[in-house]
Amino acid sequence: MNRDAPAILSGAGGAAAARERLAALAAASIRTQINDRADDLTRIAAAACIAMRRDARETALRDLA
């Protein structure tokens, strides 16, 4: 059962509690989305760094040859 159910059933105070809970859930969802995007960007940046190092290594080897 929803732990907010007694507060929701109690009337106006329940509505305020429900709005507060909804706002908390929305904030948690937004934080999760931001963290997911940050993880995606971190992976992209890491892949770009690896590609740049590989390119620099290949260029250096070509210059030595």
N, C-alpha and C. Protein backbone atom coordinates (compact mmCIF):
# COMPACT_ATOMS: atom_id res chain seq x y z
N MET A 1 0.84 -1.19 0.00
CA MET A 1 0.00 0.00 0.00
C MET A 1 0.88 1.25 0.00
N ASN A 2 0.41 2.29 -0.64
CA ASN A 2 1.13 3.55 -0.71
C ASN A 2 1.27 4.14 0.69
N ARG A 3 2.48 4.46 1.08
CA ARG A 3 2.68 4.98 2.44
C ARG A 3 2.09 6.37 2.61
N ASP A 4 1.78 7.06 1.51
CA ASP A 4 1.15 8.38 1.59
C ASP A 4 -0.37 8.29 1.65
N ALA A 5 -0.93 7.10 1.51
CA ALA A 5 -2.39 6.96 1.44
C ALA A 5 -3.10 7.58 2.64
N PRO A 6 -2.67 7.36 3.89
CA PRO A 6 -3.39 7.99 5.00
C PRO A 6 -3.37 9.51 4.90
N ALA A 7 -2.25 10.08 4.49
CA ALA A 7 -2.16 11.54 4.36
C ALA A 7 -3.05 12.03 3.23
N ILE A 8 -3.08 11.30 2.14
CA ILE A 8 -3.91 11.70 1.01
C ILE A 8 -5.38 11.67 1.40
N LEU A 9 -5.77 10.68 2.18
CA LEU A 9 -7.17 10.53 2.58
C LEU A 9 -7.60 11.56 3.62
N SER A 10 -6.64 12.25 4.23
CA SER A 10 -6.99 13.15 5.33
C SER A 10 -7.44 14.52 4.87
N GLY A 11 -7.49 14.80 3.60
CA GLY A 11 -8.01 16.08 3.13
C GLY A 11 -6.93 17.02 2.67
N ALA A 12 -7.07 18.32 3.02
CA ALA A 12 -6.18 19.37 2.52
C ALA A 12 -4.73 19.11 2.89
N GLY A 13 -4.50 18.72 4.13
CA GLY A 13 -3.12 18.40 4.54
C GLY A 13 -2.58 17.25 3.72
N GLY A 14 -3.46 16.34 3.39
CA GLY A 14 -3.06 15.20 2.57
C GLY A 14 -2.69 15.62 1.17
N ALA A 15 -3.40 16.60 0.64
CA ALA A 15 -3.09 17.11 -0.70
C ALA A 15 -1.71 17.76 -0.71
N ALA A 16 -1.41 18.50 0.35
CA ALA A 16 -0.09 19.13 0.44
C ALA A 16 1.00 18.06 0.53
N ALA A 17 0.75 17.01 1.31
CA ALA A 17 1.72 15.93 1.42
C ALA A 17 1.88 15.22 0.09
N ALA A 18 0.77 15.04 -0.62
CA ALA A 18 0.84 14.38 -1.93
C ALA A 18 1.64 15.23 -2.91
N ARG A 19 1.42 16.56 -2.90
CA ARG A 19 2.19 17.44 -3.79
C ARG A 19 3.67 17.41 -3.43
N GLU A 20 3.96 17.39 -2.14
CA GLU A 20 5.35 17.35 -1.69
C GLU A 20 6.02 16.05 -2.14
N ARG A 21 5.30 14.95 -1.99
CA ARG A 21 5.84 13.64 -2.41
C ARG A 21 6.04 13.60 -3.92
N LEU A 22 5.08 14.14 -4.67
CA LEU A 22 5.19 14.18 -6.12
C LEU A 22 6.39 15.02 -6.55
N ALA A 23 6.59 16.15 -5.88
CA ALA A 23 7.74 17.01 -6.18
C ALA A 23 9.05 16.27 -5.89
N ALA A 24 9.09 15.53 -4.79
CA ALA A 24 10.29 14.77 -4.44
C ALA A 24 10.56 13.69 -5.49
N LEU A 25 9.51 13.01 -5.93
CA LEU A 25 9.68 11.98 -6.96
C LEU A 25 10.16 12.59 -8.27
N ALA A 26 9.59 13.75 -8.64
CA ALA A 26 10.01 14.43 -9.87
C ALA A 26 11.47 14.84 -9.78
N ALA A 27 11.88 15.38 -8.63
CA ALA A 27 13.28 15.79 -8.45
C ALA A 27 14.21 14.58 -8.53
N ALA A 28 13.81 13.47 -7.95
CA ALA A 28 14.63 12.26 -8.02
C ALA A 28 14.74 11.77 -9.45
N SER A 29 13.65 11.85 -10.19
CA SER A 29 13.67 11.44 -11.59
C SER A 29 14.60 12.33 -12.41
N ILE A 30 14.52 13.63 -12.17
CA ILE A 30 15.39 14.56 -12.89
C ILE A 30 16.85 14.31 -12.55
N ARG A 31 17.15 14.08 -11.25
CA ARG A 31 18.54 13.77 -10.86
C ARG A 31 19.03 12.51 -11.55
N THR A 32 18.18 11.50 -11.63
CA THR A 32 18.55 10.25 -12.29
C THR A 32 18.85 10.50 -13.76
N GLN A 33 18.00 11.28 -14.42
CA GLN A 33 18.23 11.58 -15.83
C GLN A 33 19.52 12.35 -16.04
N ILE A 34 19.78 13.32 -15.17
CA ILE A 34 21.03 14.10 -15.28
C ILE A 34 22.23 13.19 -15.08
N ASN A 35 22.18 12.32 -14.08
CA ASN A 35 23.29 11.41 -13.83
C ASN A 35 23.49 10.44 -15.00
N ASP A 36 22.40 9.98 -15.59
CA ASP A 36 22.52 9.10 -16.76
C ASP A 36 23.18 9.82 -17.92
N ARG A 37 22.78 11.08 -18.17
CA ARG A 37 23.39 11.84 -19.26
C ARG A 37 24.86 12.12 -18.96
N ALA A 38 25.18 12.40 -17.70
CA ALA A 38 26.57 12.63 -17.31
C ALA A 38 27.41 11.37 -17.55
N ASP A 39 26.85 10.22 -17.23
CA ASP A 39 27.55 8.95 -17.49
C ASP A 39 27.78 8.77 -18.99
N ASP A 40 26.75 9.08 -19.79
CA ASP A 40 26.89 8.98 -21.25
C ASP A 40 28.01 9.89 -21.75
N LEU A 41 28.01 11.13 -21.27
CA LEU A 41 29.03 12.09 -21.70
C LEU A 41 30.43 11.66 -21.26
N THR A 42 30.53 11.06 -20.08
CA THR A 42 31.82 10.57 -19.60
C THR A 42 32.34 9.46 -20.52
N ARG A 43 31.45 8.55 -20.90
CA ARG A 43 31.87 7.47 -21.82
C ARG A 43 32.29 8.03 -23.17
N ILE A 44 31.55 9.02 -23.68
CA ILE A 44 31.90 9.63 -24.96
C ILE A 44 33.25 10.32 -24.88
N ALA A 45 33.48 11.05 -23.79
CA ALA A 45 34.76 11.75 -23.62
C ALA A 45 35.92 10.76 -23.51
N ALA A 46 35.70 9.66 -22.80
CA ALA A 46 36.75 8.65 -22.67
C ALA A 46 37.07 8.04 -24.03
N ALA A 47 36.04 7.75 -24.81
CA ALA A 47 36.26 7.19 -26.15
C ALA A 47 37.01 8.17 -27.04
N ALA A 48 36.68 9.46 -26.92
CA ALA A 48 37.37 10.48 -27.71
C ALA A 48 38.84 10.57 -27.31
N CYS A 49 39.12 10.49 -26.02
CA CYS A 49 40.52 10.53 -25.55
C CYS A 49 41.30 9.34 -26.08
N ILE A 50 40.69 8.17 -26.03
CA ILE A 50 41.35 6.97 -26.54
C ILE A 50 41.64 7.12 -28.03
N ALA A 51 40.66 7.63 -28.78
CA ALA A 51 40.85 7.82 -30.22
C ALA A 51 41.96 8.83 -30.50
N MET A 52 42.00 9.93 -29.73
CA MET A 52 43.04 10.93 -29.93
C MET A 52 44.42 10.36 -29.61
N ARG A 53 44.52 9.57 -28.53
CA ARG A 53 45.82 8.95 -28.20
C ARG A 53 46.26 7.99 -29.30
N ARG A 54 45.31 7.20 -29.80
CA ARG A 54 45.62 6.25 -30.87
C ARG A 54 46.10 7.00 -32.10
N ASP A 55 45.41 8.09 -32.45
CA ASP A 55 45.79 8.89 -33.61
C ASP A 55 47.17 9.49 -33.41
N ALA A 56 47.44 10.01 -32.20
CA ALA A 56 48.76 10.60 -31.92
C ALA A 56 49.85 9.54 -32.00
N ARG A 57 49.57 8.35 -31.49
CA ARG A 57 50.55 7.26 -31.54
C ARG A 57 50.82 6.87 -33.00
N GLU A 58 49.77 6.75 -33.79
CA GLU A 58 49.95 6.39 -35.21
C GLU A 58 50.73 7.46 -35.95
N THR A 59 50.45 8.72 -35.65
CA THR A 59 51.17 9.82 -36.28
C THR A 59 52.64 9.79 -35.88
N ALA A 60 52.91 9.55 -34.63
CA ALA A 60 54.30 9.49 -34.15
C ALA A 60 55.04 8.34 -34.82
N LEU A 61 54.41 7.18 -34.92
CA LEU A 61 55.05 6.04 -35.57
C LEU A 61 55.30 6.33 -37.05
N ARG A 62 54.36 6.99 -37.70
CA ARG A 62 54.52 7.34 -39.10
C ARG A 62 55.68 8.33 -39.27
N ASP A 63 55.81 9.28 -38.33
CA ASP A 63 56.90 10.26 -38.40
C ASP A 63 58.26 9.60 -38.19
N LEU A 64 58.29 8.54 -37.38
CA LEU A 64 59.55 7.84 -37.14
C LEU A 64 59.98 7.00 -38.33
N ALA A 65 59.04 6.58 -39.12
CA ALA A 65 59.34 5.68 -40.25
C ALA A 65 59.97 6.40 -41.41
